[in-house]
Amino acid sequence: MYCSITARDCQRQSNNFRPKFSDEECITISLWGIANQKFEVKAVYDFIKDYWEGWFPDLPSYQNFNRRVCNLCGIFEQIAAYMITESGIDFFVLDYILDSMPVIVANEKRSGTAKTAGELCNKGYCASKKMYYYGVKLHALVQKQYQALPNLFAAWVTPASEADLSSAEENLGFIRDINLFCDKAYICKAWKAELTRRNVTKVQKTKIRQIRPK
């Protein structure tokens, strides 16, 4: 799969960049760590160094490993997208739910001074929790399943301050021929007209309990 990923999603290095510790090894280590419930880069690195170092003789220092993981972020996005397409989506089911949730890096008291991951995070307001926070928003489009958790169809991250509506308009240009359930944050006459043109029926999420299998 790695070889099929486009060049723009790989590390931006010179043509002479041929490290002993390969991209494939870095990706394998990261995914194996996650599979073993290690969700931070440092935890993944320590896990591999303690138990699997013999398999990776060219394992670099933690600082260099962390840098490589960051450089490969585009590839991890591609892998996630591939896994989503294999997640059991039933293309005969037309009911989808759209929503977002805050990923809080710093709470309300520190939201004005926090600087962690400043290239992605910023200060925003969560209406459902009635609080300001510093972080990002996780957006998800899921396919409903009757009496079961929905299947993830698409997901993306934005800075906390970005409105749900503008994010949906930017990232959901591909949806067609579905019933879309969402809350009042996505109310917009222009977007509704655009969805109608693509045969997308937009329904307020308060009616989601009315969904039943045919």
N, C-alpha and C. Protein backbone atom coordinates (compact mmCIF):
# COMPACT_ATOMS: atom_id res chain seq x y z
N MET A 1 0.82 -1.20 0.00
CA MET A 1 0.00 0.00 0.00
C MET A 1 0.86 1.26 0.00
N TYR A 2 1.99 1.22 0.73
CA TYR A 2 2.84 2.41 0.82
C TYR A 2 3.28 2.87 -0.56
N CYS A 3 3.63 1.94 -1.41
CA CYS A 3 4.14 2.29 -2.74
C CYS A 3 3.08 2.94 -3.61
N SER A 4 1.78 2.72 -3.28
CA SER A 4 0.71 3.29 -4.10
C SER A 4 0.34 4.69 -3.67
N ILE A 5 0.90 5.18 -2.56
CA ILE A 5 0.57 6.51 -2.07
C ILE A 5 1.31 7.55 -2.91
N THR A 6 0.62 8.61 -3.25
CA THR A 6 1.19 9.61 -4.14
C THR A 6 2.35 10.33 -3.48
N ALA A 7 3.25 10.87 -4.31
CA ALA A 7 4.48 11.50 -3.82
C ALA A 7 4.19 12.70 -2.93
N ARG A 8 3.09 13.39 -3.19
CA ARG A 8 2.80 14.59 -2.40
C ARG A 8 2.50 14.26 -0.95
N ASP A 9 2.17 12.99 -0.64
CA ASP A 9 1.86 12.60 0.72
C ASP A 9 3.06 11.99 1.43
N CYS A 10 4.19 11.88 0.74
CA CYS A 10 5.40 11.34 1.36
C CYS A 10 6.25 12.48 1.92
N GLN A 11 7.34 12.11 2.57
CA GLN A 11 8.23 13.12 3.12
C GLN A 11 8.79 13.99 2.00
N ARG A 12 8.89 15.27 2.26
CA ARG A 12 9.47 16.19 1.28
C ARG A 12 10.98 16.29 1.54
N GLN A 13 11.70 15.42 0.90
CA GLN A 13 13.15 15.36 1.08
C GLN A 13 13.80 15.34 -0.30
N SER A 14 15.11 15.42 -0.34
CA SER A 14 15.83 15.36 -1.61
C SER A 14 15.79 13.94 -2.16
N ASN A 15 16.14 13.80 -3.44
CA ASN A 15 16.17 12.48 -4.07
C ASN A 15 17.23 11.58 -3.46
N ASN A 16 18.17 12.17 -2.73
CA ASN A 16 19.25 11.40 -2.11
C ASN A 16 18.91 10.95 -0.69
N PHE A 17 17.67 11.21 -0.25
CA PHE A 17 17.28 10.88 1.11
C PHE A 17 17.00 9.37 1.19
N ARG A 18 17.96 8.61 1.70
CA ARG A 18 17.84 7.16 1.82
C ARG A 18 18.27 6.73 3.21
N PRO A 19 17.46 6.97 4.22
CA PRO A 19 17.87 6.65 5.59
C PRO A 19 17.90 5.13 5.82
N LYS A 20 18.76 4.70 6.74
CA LYS A 20 18.80 3.28 7.10
C LYS A 20 17.48 2.85 7.72
N PHE A 21 16.92 3.73 8.55
CA PHE A 21 15.61 3.46 9.15
C PHE A 21 14.55 3.96 8.17
N SER A 22 13.88 3.04 7.49
CA SER A 22 13.04 3.39 6.36
C SER A 22 11.67 3.94 6.79
N ASP A 23 10.99 4.57 5.83
CA ASP A 23 9.63 5.03 6.07
C ASP A 23 8.72 3.87 6.44
N GLU A 24 8.90 2.73 5.73
CA GLU A 24 8.06 1.57 5.99
C GLU A 24 8.22 1.10 7.44
N GLU A 25 9.44 1.12 7.96
CA GLU A 25 9.67 0.73 9.34
C GLU A 25 8.99 1.71 10.30
N CYS A 26 9.09 2.98 10.01
CA CYS A 26 8.48 4.00 10.86
C CYS A 26 6.97 3.84 10.92
N ILE A 27 6.37 3.58 9.75
CA ILE A 27 4.91 3.39 9.70
C ILE A 27 4.51 2.12 10.43
N THR A 28 5.27 1.04 10.22
CA THR A 28 4.97 -0.24 10.87
C THR A 28 5.01 -0.10 12.39
N ILE A 29 6.04 0.55 12.89
CA ILE A 29 6.19 0.75 14.33
C ILE A 29 5.01 1.55 14.89
N SER A 30 4.65 2.60 14.21
CA SER A 30 3.56 3.46 14.68
C SER A 30 2.24 2.69 14.74
N LEU A 31 1.93 1.94 13.68
CA LEU A 31 0.67 1.20 13.65
C LEU A 31 0.67 0.05 14.65
N TRP A 32 1.83 -0.61 14.83
CA TRP A 32 1.91 -1.71 15.79
C TRP A 32 1.75 -1.17 17.22
N GLY A 33 2.31 0.01 17.46
CA GLY A 33 2.14 0.62 18.78
C GLY A 33 0.69 0.95 19.06
N ILE A 34 0.00 1.53 18.07
CA ILE A 34 -1.41 1.86 18.24
C ILE A 34 -2.23 0.59 18.47
N ALA A 35 -1.90 -0.47 17.73
CA ALA A 35 -2.61 -1.74 17.89
C ALA A 35 -2.44 -2.31 19.30
N ASN A 36 -1.38 -1.89 19.98
CA ASN A 36 -1.12 -2.33 21.35
C ASN A 36 -1.46 -1.25 22.37
N GLN A 37 -2.42 -0.39 22.01
CA GLN A 37 -2.96 0.62 22.92
C GLN A 37 -1.94 1.67 23.34
N LYS A 38 -1.00 1.98 22.47
CA LYS A 38 -0.04 3.07 22.73
C LYS A 38 -0.41 4.23 21.80
N PHE A 39 -0.98 5.28 22.36
CA PHE A 39 -1.58 6.33 21.55
C PHE A 39 -0.77 7.63 21.54
N GLU A 40 0.40 7.63 22.14
CA GLU A 40 1.30 8.77 22.08
C GLU A 40 2.61 8.30 21.45
N VAL A 41 3.26 9.20 20.71
CA VAL A 41 4.49 8.82 20.01
C VAL A 41 5.54 8.31 20.98
N LYS A 42 5.67 8.96 22.14
CA LYS A 42 6.67 8.52 23.13
C LYS A 42 6.34 7.13 23.65
N ALA A 43 5.05 6.86 23.87
CA ALA A 43 4.65 5.54 24.36
C ALA A 43 4.93 4.47 23.30
N VAL A 44 4.67 4.79 22.04
CA VAL A 44 4.97 3.85 20.95
C VAL A 44 6.47 3.57 20.91
N TYR A 45 7.27 4.61 20.96
CA TYR A 45 8.73 4.47 20.87
C TYR A 45 9.26 3.62 22.03
N ASP A 46 8.83 3.91 23.25
CA ASP A 46 9.30 3.15 24.41
C ASP A 46 8.88 1.69 24.32
N PHE A 47 7.66 1.44 23.83
CA PHE A 47 7.16 0.07 23.69
C PHE A 47 8.03 -0.72 22.71
N ILE A 48 8.35 -0.13 21.58
CA ILE A 48 9.18 -0.81 20.58
C ILE A 48 10.59 -1.01 21.10
N LYS A 49 11.14 -0.01 21.74
CA LYS A 49 12.52 -0.10 22.25
C LYS A 49 12.63 -1.15 23.34
N ASP A 50 11.60 -1.29 24.17
CA ASP A 50 11.64 -2.25 25.27
C ASP A 50 11.43 -3.70 24.81
N TYR A 51 10.58 -3.90 23.80
CA TYR A 51 10.16 -5.26 23.47
C TYR A 51 10.51 -5.71 22.04
N TRP A 52 10.75 -4.78 21.11
CA TRP A 52 10.90 -5.16 19.72
C TRP A 52 12.14 -4.53 19.07
N GLU A 53 13.05 -4.03 19.84
CA GLU A 53 14.20 -3.32 19.27
C GLU A 53 15.03 -4.22 18.36
N GLY A 54 15.09 -5.52 18.67
CA GLY A 54 15.85 -6.45 17.85
C GLY A 54 15.35 -6.53 16.42
N TRP A 55 14.07 -6.20 16.21
CA TRP A 55 13.49 -6.24 14.87
C TRP A 55 13.84 -4.97 14.08
N PHE A 56 14.25 -3.93 14.79
CA PHE A 56 14.53 -2.64 14.15
C PHE A 56 15.91 -2.14 14.60
N PRO A 57 16.97 -2.74 14.07
CA PRO A 57 18.33 -2.41 14.53
C PRO A 57 18.75 -0.97 14.25
N ASP A 58 18.10 -0.32 13.31
CA ASP A 58 18.45 1.07 12.98
C ASP A 58 17.48 2.07 13.60
N LEU A 59 16.76 1.65 14.63
CA LEU A 59 15.83 2.55 15.31
C LEU A 59 16.58 3.79 15.80
N PRO A 60 16.17 5.00 15.38
CA PRO A 60 16.89 6.21 15.77
C PRO A 60 16.54 6.64 17.19
N SER A 61 17.06 7.77 17.60
CA SER A 61 16.69 8.34 18.90
C SER A 61 15.22 8.75 18.87
N TYR A 62 14.65 8.94 20.06
CA TYR A 62 13.24 9.33 20.12
C TYR A 62 13.00 10.63 19.37
N GLN A 63 13.89 11.60 19.51
CA GLN A 63 13.70 12.90 18.85
C GLN A 63 13.62 12.73 17.32
N ASN A 64 14.52 11.91 16.77
CA ASN A 64 14.51 11.68 15.32
C ASN A 64 13.29 10.86 14.88
N PHE A 65 12.91 9.90 15.71
CA PHE A 65 11.72 9.10 15.40
C PHE A 65 10.48 9.99 15.37
N ASN A 66 10.34 10.86 16.36
CA ASN A 66 9.21 11.77 16.43
C ASN A 66 9.17 12.67 15.20
N ARG A 67 10.34 13.15 14.77
CA ARG A 67 10.41 14.00 13.58
C ARG A 67 9.96 13.23 12.33
N ARG A 68 10.36 11.98 12.23
CA ARG A 68 9.97 11.18 11.07
C ARG A 68 8.46 10.94 11.04
N VAL A 69 7.89 10.66 12.20
CA VAL A 69 6.44 10.47 12.28
C VAL A 69 5.70 11.72 11.82
N CYS A 70 6.18 12.87 12.26
CA CYS A 70 5.54 14.14 11.86
C CYS A 70 5.66 14.35 10.35
N ASN A 71 6.82 14.02 9.79
CA ASN A 71 7.02 14.18 8.36
C ASN A 71 6.14 13.26 7.53
N LEU A 72 5.71 12.15 8.13
CA LEU A 72 4.90 11.16 7.43
C LEU A 72 3.41 11.32 7.69
N CYS A 73 3.00 12.45 8.24
CA CYS A 73 1.60 12.62 8.63
C CYS A 73 0.65 12.44 7.43
N GLY A 74 1.07 12.87 6.24
CA GLY A 74 0.23 12.72 5.07
C GLY A 74 -0.05 11.26 4.73
N ILE A 75 0.93 10.41 4.96
CA ILE A 75 0.75 8.98 4.68
C ILE A 75 -0.23 8.36 5.67
N PHE A 76 -0.14 8.76 6.94
CA PHE A 76 -1.09 8.23 7.93
C PHE A 76 -2.52 8.64 7.59
N GLU A 77 -2.69 9.84 7.03
CA GLU A 77 -4.01 10.27 6.60
C GLU A 77 -4.52 9.37 5.47
N GLN A 78 -3.62 9.02 4.54
CA GLN A 78 -4.00 8.14 3.44
C GLN A 78 -4.37 6.75 3.94
N ILE A 79 -3.62 6.24 4.92
CA ILE A 79 -3.93 4.93 5.48
C ILE A 79 -5.28 4.95 6.18
N ALA A 80 -5.55 6.03 6.93
CA ALA A 80 -6.84 6.15 7.61
C ALA A 80 -7.98 6.18 6.60
N ALA A 81 -7.78 6.93 5.51
CA ALA A 81 -8.82 7.00 4.48
C ALA A 81 -9.07 5.63 3.86
N TYR A 82 -8.00 4.88 3.62
CA TYR A 82 -8.13 3.54 3.06
C TYR A 82 -8.90 2.63 4.01
N MET A 83 -8.58 2.71 5.30
CA MET A 83 -9.25 1.86 6.28
C MET A 83 -10.73 2.21 6.40
N ILE A 84 -11.05 3.50 6.26
CA ILE A 84 -12.46 3.91 6.33
C ILE A 84 -13.24 3.28 5.19
N THR A 85 -12.66 3.26 3.99
CA THR A 85 -13.37 2.69 2.84
C THR A 85 -13.59 1.19 3.00
N GLU A 86 -12.82 0.56 3.89
CA GLU A 86 -12.98 -0.87 4.13
C GLU A 86 -13.75 -1.15 5.42
N SER A 87 -14.46 -0.16 5.95
CA SER A 87 -15.06 -0.28 7.28
C SER A 87 -16.48 -0.81 7.28
N GLY A 88 -16.95 -1.38 6.18
CA GLY A 88 -18.26 -2.00 6.16
C GLY A 88 -19.38 -1.07 5.74
N ILE A 89 -19.09 -0.02 4.97
CA ILE A 89 -20.13 0.87 4.50
C ILE A 89 -21.06 0.11 3.56
N ASP A 90 -22.36 0.25 3.80
CA ASP A 90 -23.39 -0.36 2.96
C ASP A 90 -23.95 0.73 2.05
N PHE A 91 -23.64 0.67 0.78
CA PHE A 91 -24.02 1.74 -0.13
C PHE A 91 -25.50 1.70 -0.52
N PHE A 92 -26.23 0.73 0.02
CA PHE A 92 -27.67 0.72 -0.15
C PHE A 92 -28.38 1.46 0.98
N VAL A 93 -27.63 1.78 2.06
CA VAL A 93 -28.19 2.56 3.17
C VAL A 93 -27.92 4.03 2.90
N LEU A 94 -28.96 4.86 2.90
CA LEU A 94 -28.84 6.25 2.47
C LEU A 94 -28.84 7.24 3.62
N ASP A 95 -29.02 6.81 4.86
CA ASP A 95 -29.11 7.73 5.99
C ASP A 95 -27.74 7.93 6.64
N TYR A 96 -27.30 9.21 6.69
CA TYR A 96 -25.99 9.57 7.24
C TYR A 96 -26.17 10.68 8.27
N ILE A 97 -25.29 10.71 9.26
CA ILE A 97 -25.34 11.71 10.33
C ILE A 97 -24.04 12.51 10.31
N LEU A 98 -24.17 13.82 10.41
CA LEU A 98 -23.01 14.72 10.40
C LEU A 98 -22.95 15.48 11.72
N ASP A 99 -21.76 15.50 12.34
CA ASP A 99 -21.61 16.24 13.60
C ASP A 99 -20.13 16.48 13.86
N SER A 100 -19.85 17.26 14.90
CA SER A 100 -18.47 17.54 15.30
C SER A 100 -18.36 17.47 16.81
N MET A 101 -17.13 17.36 17.30
CA MET A 101 -16.89 17.36 18.74
C MET A 101 -15.56 18.06 19.01
N PRO A 102 -15.44 18.70 20.17
CA PRO A 102 -14.18 19.38 20.50
C PRO A 102 -13.11 18.40 20.96
N VAL A 103 -11.88 18.63 20.53
CA VAL A 103 -10.72 17.92 21.07
C VAL A 103 -9.93 18.97 21.85
N ILE A 104 -10.03 18.93 23.16
CA ILE A 104 -9.55 20.01 24.02
C ILE A 104 -8.08 19.78 24.38
N VAL A 105 -7.23 20.69 23.93
CA VAL A 105 -5.81 20.66 24.28
C VAL A 105 -5.56 21.46 25.55
N ALA A 106 -6.26 22.57 25.70
CA ALA A 106 -6.17 23.39 26.92
C ALA A 106 -7.58 23.84 27.30
N ASN A 107 -7.87 23.79 28.59
CA ASN A 107 -9.22 24.13 29.04
C ASN A 107 -9.47 25.63 29.01
N GLU A 108 -10.64 26.02 29.48
CA GLU A 108 -11.07 27.41 29.35
C GLU A 108 -10.10 28.40 30.01
N LYS A 109 -9.56 28.04 31.17
CA LYS A 109 -8.67 28.95 31.88
C LYS A 109 -7.38 29.22 31.12
N ARG A 110 -6.89 28.24 30.36
CA ARG A 110 -5.63 28.38 29.63
C ARG A 110 -5.84 28.59 28.13
N SER A 111 -7.10 28.70 27.70
CA SER A 111 -7.37 28.77 26.27
C SER A 111 -6.80 30.02 25.60
N GLY A 112 -6.60 31.08 26.37
CA GLY A 112 -6.08 32.32 25.80
C GLY A 112 -4.58 32.39 25.72
N THR A 113 -3.88 31.49 26.40
CA THR A 113 -2.42 31.54 26.44
C THR A 113 -1.74 30.30 25.86
N ALA A 114 -2.49 29.23 25.64
CA ALA A 114 -1.91 27.99 25.14
C ALA A 114 -1.34 28.18 23.74
N LYS A 115 -0.22 27.48 23.46
CA LYS A 115 0.44 27.60 22.15
C LYS A 115 0.78 26.24 21.54
N THR A 116 0.44 25.15 22.20
CA THR A 116 0.77 23.83 21.70
C THR A 116 0.15 23.59 20.33
N ALA A 117 0.93 23.04 19.40
CA ALA A 117 0.46 22.72 18.04
C ALA A 117 -0.25 23.91 17.41
N GLY A 118 0.39 25.06 17.50
CA GLY A 118 -0.22 26.30 17.02
C GLY A 118 -0.52 26.32 15.54
N GLU A 119 0.13 25.44 14.76
CA GLU A 119 -0.15 25.39 13.33
C GLU A 119 -1.51 24.78 13.03
N LEU A 120 -2.11 24.11 14.04
CA LEU A 120 -3.40 23.47 13.84
C LEU A 120 -4.45 23.94 14.83
N CYS A 121 -4.05 24.13 16.09
CA CYS A 121 -5.00 24.47 17.15
C CYS A 121 -5.21 25.98 17.26
N ASN A 122 -6.36 26.37 17.76
CA ASN A 122 -6.61 27.74 18.18
C ASN A 122 -7.77 27.75 19.18
N LYS A 123 -8.21 28.94 19.56
CA LYS A 123 -9.26 29.06 20.55
C LYS A 123 -10.62 29.07 19.89
N GLY A 124 -11.54 28.31 20.44
CA GLY A 124 -12.89 28.25 19.90
C GLY A 124 -13.91 28.11 21.01
N TYR A 125 -15.17 28.06 20.62
CA TYR A 125 -16.26 27.95 21.59
C TYR A 125 -17.10 26.72 21.27
N CYS A 126 -17.37 25.93 22.29
CA CYS A 126 -18.22 24.74 22.15
C CYS A 126 -19.59 25.06 22.73
N ALA A 127 -20.59 25.20 21.87
CA ALA A 127 -21.93 25.60 22.32
C ALA A 127 -22.57 24.54 23.20
N SER A 128 -22.36 23.25 22.88
CA SER A 128 -23.01 22.19 23.66
C SER A 128 -22.48 22.12 25.08
N LYS A 129 -21.19 22.44 25.26
CA LYS A 129 -20.60 22.44 26.60
C LYS A 129 -20.56 23.83 27.22
N LYS A 130 -20.93 24.84 26.41
CA LYS A 130 -20.96 26.23 26.86
C LYS A 130 -19.61 26.64 27.45
N MET A 131 -18.57 26.43 26.67
CA MET A 131 -17.23 26.74 27.16
C MET A 131 -16.29 27.10 26.01
N TYR A 132 -15.31 27.95 26.30
CA TYR A 132 -14.22 28.23 25.39
C TYR A 132 -13.12 27.21 25.64
N TYR A 133 -12.38 26.86 24.63
CA TYR A 133 -11.28 25.91 24.77
C TYR A 133 -10.25 26.17 23.68
N TYR A 134 -9.06 25.62 23.88
CA TYR A 134 -7.99 25.68 22.88
C TYR A 134 -7.79 24.28 22.35
N GLY A 135 -7.87 24.12 21.05
CA GLY A 135 -7.69 22.80 20.48
C GLY A 135 -8.18 22.72 19.06
N VAL A 136 -8.80 21.61 18.72
CA VAL A 136 -9.31 21.39 17.37
C VAL A 136 -10.73 20.82 17.46
N LYS A 137 -11.36 20.73 16.31
CA LYS A 137 -12.65 20.05 16.19
C LYS A 137 -12.46 18.79 15.34
N LEU A 138 -13.08 17.71 15.80
CA LEU A 138 -13.12 16.49 15.02
C LEU A 138 -14.50 16.41 14.37
N HIS A 139 -14.54 16.39 13.05
CA HIS A 139 -15.79 16.31 12.30
C HIS A 139 -15.95 14.89 11.77
N ALA A 140 -17.17 14.39 11.75
CA ALA A 140 -17.39 13.03 11.27
C ALA A 140 -18.71 12.92 10.52
N LEU A 141 -18.66 12.20 9.43
CA LEU A 141 -19.86 11.81 8.69
C LEU A 141 -19.98 10.30 8.82
N VAL A 142 -21.09 9.83 9.40
CA VAL A 142 -21.24 8.40 9.68
C VAL A 142 -22.52 7.87 9.05
N GLN A 143 -22.49 6.59 8.74
CA GLN A 143 -23.66 5.92 8.18
C GLN A 143 -24.41 5.20 9.28
N LYS A 144 -25.71 5.41 9.36
CA LYS A 144 -26.48 4.82 10.45
C LYS A 144 -26.56 3.30 10.32
N GLN A 145 -26.61 2.66 11.47
CA GLN A 145 -26.92 1.24 11.57
C GLN A 145 -28.02 1.08 12.60
N TYR A 146 -29.00 0.30 12.31
CA TYR A 146 -30.12 0.12 13.24
C TYR A 146 -29.68 -0.64 14.48
N GLN A 147 -29.91 -0.03 15.65
CA GLN A 147 -29.59 -0.62 16.95
C GLN A 147 -28.10 -1.01 17.06
N ALA A 148 -27.25 -0.21 16.45
CA ALA A 148 -25.80 -0.44 16.52
C ALA A 148 -25.09 0.87 16.29
N LEU A 149 -23.81 0.93 16.64
CA LEU A 149 -23.03 2.12 16.38
C LEU A 149 -22.91 2.37 14.89
N PRO A 150 -22.91 3.62 14.46
CA PRO A 150 -22.81 3.91 13.03
C PRO A 150 -21.43 3.58 12.47
N ASN A 151 -21.37 3.46 11.16
CA ASN A 151 -20.10 3.22 10.47
C ASN A 151 -19.49 4.56 10.06
N LEU A 152 -18.21 4.74 10.33
CA LEU A 152 -17.53 5.97 9.94
C LEU A 152 -17.33 5.99 8.42
N PHE A 153 -17.74 7.08 7.80
CA PHE A 153 -17.60 7.23 6.35
C PHE A 153 -16.54 8.27 6.00
N ALA A 154 -16.47 9.36 6.75
CA ALA A 154 -15.47 10.40 6.52
C ALA A 154 -15.21 11.14 7.82
N ALA A 155 -13.96 11.58 8.01
CA ALA A 155 -13.60 12.33 9.21
C ALA A 155 -12.46 13.29 8.88
N TRP A 156 -12.46 14.42 9.54
CA TRP A 156 -11.39 15.40 9.33
C TRP A 156 -11.30 16.31 10.56
N VAL A 157 -10.19 17.03 10.66
CA VAL A 157 -9.92 17.89 11.80
C VAL A 157 -9.74 19.33 11.33
N THR A 158 -10.29 20.29 12.11
CA THR A 158 -10.11 21.71 11.82
C THR A 158 -9.74 22.43 13.11
N PRO A 159 -9.19 23.65 13.01
CA PRO A 159 -8.99 24.46 14.21
C PRO A 159 -10.32 24.68 14.94
N ALA A 160 -10.25 24.89 16.23
CA ALA A 160 -11.45 24.98 17.06
C ALA A 160 -12.38 26.12 16.63
N SER A 161 -11.82 27.18 16.07
CA SER A 161 -12.63 28.35 15.74
C SER A 161 -13.42 28.20 14.45
N GLU A 162 -13.10 27.20 13.64
CA GLU A 162 -13.77 27.09 12.33
C GLU A 162 -15.20 26.61 12.51
N ALA A 163 -16.12 27.28 11.84
CA ALA A 163 -17.54 26.95 11.96
C ALA A 163 -17.84 25.59 11.32
N ASP A 164 -18.76 24.86 11.91
CA ASP A 164 -19.13 23.55 11.38
C ASP A 164 -19.62 23.65 9.94
N LEU A 165 -20.41 24.68 9.67
CA LEU A 165 -20.99 24.83 8.34
C LEU A 165 -19.92 25.02 7.28
N SER A 166 -19.00 25.97 7.49
CA SER A 166 -17.96 26.22 6.49
C SER A 166 -17.07 25.00 6.30
N SER A 167 -16.81 24.26 7.37
CA SER A 167 -16.01 23.05 7.27
C SER A 167 -16.73 21.99 6.44
N ALA A 168 -18.04 21.83 6.66
CA ALA A 168 -18.81 20.85 5.90
C ALA A 168 -18.87 21.23 4.43
N GLU A 169 -19.06 22.51 4.14
CA GLU A 169 -19.11 22.96 2.75
C GLU A 169 -17.79 22.65 2.03
N GLU A 170 -16.69 22.82 2.75
CA GLU A 170 -15.37 22.62 2.14
C GLU A 170 -15.03 21.15 1.95
N ASN A 171 -15.47 20.30 2.88
CA ASN A 171 -15.01 18.91 2.88
C ASN A 171 -16.02 17.89 2.37
N LEU A 172 -17.25 18.29 2.15
CA LEU A 172 -18.28 17.31 1.76
C LEU A 172 -18.80 17.56 0.35
N GLY A 173 -17.95 18.09 -0.51
CA GLY A 173 -18.36 18.32 -1.88
C GLY A 173 -18.61 17.04 -2.67
N PHE A 174 -18.22 15.89 -2.11
CA PHE A 174 -18.34 14.62 -2.83
C PHE A 174 -19.64 13.89 -2.56
N ILE A 175 -20.43 14.29 -1.54
CA ILE A 175 -21.61 13.51 -1.18
C ILE A 175 -22.72 13.69 -2.21
N ARG A 176 -23.41 12.59 -2.50
CA ARG A 176 -24.50 12.58 -3.46
C ARG A 176 -25.55 11.57 -3.01
N ASP A 177 -26.80 11.84 -3.32
CA ASP A 177 -27.89 10.84 -3.23
C ASP A 177 -27.99 10.19 -1.85
N ILE A 178 -27.98 11.01 -0.79
CA ILE A 178 -28.14 10.49 0.57
C ILE A 178 -29.12 11.35 1.36
N ASN A 179 -29.52 10.84 2.52
CA ASN A 179 -30.28 11.62 3.49
C ASN A 179 -29.31 12.06 4.58
N LEU A 180 -29.16 13.36 4.78
CA LEU A 180 -28.15 13.89 5.70
C LEU A 180 -28.82 14.47 6.93
N PHE A 181 -28.55 13.88 8.09
CA PHE A 181 -29.11 14.34 9.36
C PHE A 181 -28.06 15.17 10.09
N CYS A 182 -28.40 16.40 10.44
CA CYS A 182 -27.45 17.28 11.11
C CYS A 182 -28.21 18.31 11.95
N ASP A 183 -27.50 19.01 12.85
CA ASP A 183 -28.16 19.94 13.75
C ASP A 183 -28.18 21.35 13.17
N LYS A 184 -28.64 22.31 13.99
CA LYS A 184 -28.87 23.67 13.50
C LYS A 184 -27.58 24.41 13.13
N ALA A 185 -26.43 23.88 13.54
CA ALA A 185 -25.16 24.53 13.17
C ALA A 185 -24.94 24.51 11.66
N TYR A 186 -25.66 23.62 10.96
CA TYR A 186 -25.47 23.48 9.52
C TYR A 186 -26.60 24.11 8.71
N ILE A 187 -27.43 24.94 9.35
CA ILE A 187 -28.52 25.60 8.64
C ILE A 187 -27.97 26.70 7.74
N CYS A 188 -28.28 26.62 6.47
CA CYS A 188 -27.84 27.62 5.50
C CYS A 188 -28.63 27.39 4.21
N LYS A 189 -29.34 28.40 3.75
CA LYS A 189 -30.17 28.26 2.55
C LYS A 189 -29.32 27.93 1.33
N ALA A 190 -28.17 28.59 1.22
CA ALA A 190 -27.32 28.36 0.04
C ALA A 190 -26.79 26.93 0.02
N TRP A 191 -26.33 26.44 1.19
CA TRP A 191 -25.80 25.08 1.22
C TRP A 191 -26.90 24.06 1.00
N LYS A 192 -28.09 24.32 1.56
CA LYS A 192 -29.22 23.42 1.34
C LYS A 192 -29.57 23.33 -0.14
N ALA A 193 -29.51 24.47 -0.82
CA ALA A 193 -29.79 24.47 -2.26
C ALA A 193 -28.74 23.66 -3.02
N GLU A 194 -27.49 23.79 -2.61
CA GLU A 194 -26.41 23.03 -3.25
C GLU A 194 -26.59 21.53 -3.01
N LEU A 195 -26.97 21.17 -1.78
CA LEU A 195 -27.20 19.75 -1.48
C LEU A 195 -28.39 19.21 -2.28
N THR A 196 -29.43 20.01 -2.40
CA THR A 196 -30.59 19.59 -3.18
C THR A 196 -30.20 19.31 -4.62
N ARG A 197 -29.31 20.14 -5.17
CA ARG A 197 -28.83 19.94 -6.53
C ARG A 197 -28.12 18.59 -6.67
N ARG A 198 -27.50 18.13 -5.56
CA ARG A 198 -26.79 16.84 -5.58
C ARG A 198 -27.67 15.71 -5.06
N ASN A 199 -28.96 15.96 -4.96
CA ASN A 199 -29.92 14.96 -4.50
C ASN A 199 -29.63 14.50 -3.07
N VAL A 200 -29.20 15.44 -2.24
CA VAL A 200 -28.99 15.18 -0.81
C VAL A 200 -30.14 15.81 -0.04
N THR A 201 -30.88 15.00 0.69
CA THR A 201 -31.99 15.49 1.51
C THR A 201 -31.48 15.81 2.89
N LYS A 202 -31.53 17.08 3.27
CA LYS A 202 -31.00 17.52 4.56
C LYS A 202 -32.13 17.55 5.59
N VAL A 203 -31.91 16.86 6.72
CA VAL A 203 -32.93 16.71 7.75
C VAL A 203 -32.35 17.16 9.08
N GLN A 204 -33.15 17.90 9.88
CA GLN A 204 -32.68 18.29 11.20
C GLN A 204 -32.47 17.05 12.07
N LYS A 205 -31.37 17.02 12.82
CA LYS A 205 -30.99 15.83 13.57
C LYS A 205 -31.96 15.49 14.69
N THR A 206 -32.83 16.43 15.07
CA THR A 206 -33.82 16.15 16.11
C THR A 206 -34.77 15.04 15.67
N LYS A 207 -34.83 14.74 14.35
CA LYS A 207 -35.72 13.72 13.83
C LYS A 207 -35.01 12.38 13.63
N ILE A 208 -33.77 12.28 14.14
CA ILE A 208 -32.98 11.09 13.88
C ILE A 208 -33.61 9.84 14.46
N ARG A 209 -34.37 9.94 15.55
CA ARG A 209 -34.99 8.77 16.15
C ARG A 209 -36.07 8.16 15.26
N GLN A 210 -36.47 8.91 14.24
CA GLN A 210 -37.50 8.39 13.34
C GLN A 210 -36.92 7.44 12.30
N ILE A 211 -35.59 7.34 12.23
CA ILE A 211 -34.97 6.46 11.24
C ILE A 211 -35.24 5.01 11.62
N ARG A 212 -35.76 4.25 10.69
CA ARG A 212 -36.00 2.84 10.88
C ARG A 212 -35.61 2.09 9.61
N PRO A 213 -35.20 0.86 9.73
CA PRO A 213 -34.83 0.11 8.52
C PRO A 213 -36.05 -0.17 7.68
N LYS A 214 -35.82 -0.26 6.39
CA LYS A 214 -36.92 -0.56 5.48
C LYS A 214 -37.29 -2.04 5.58
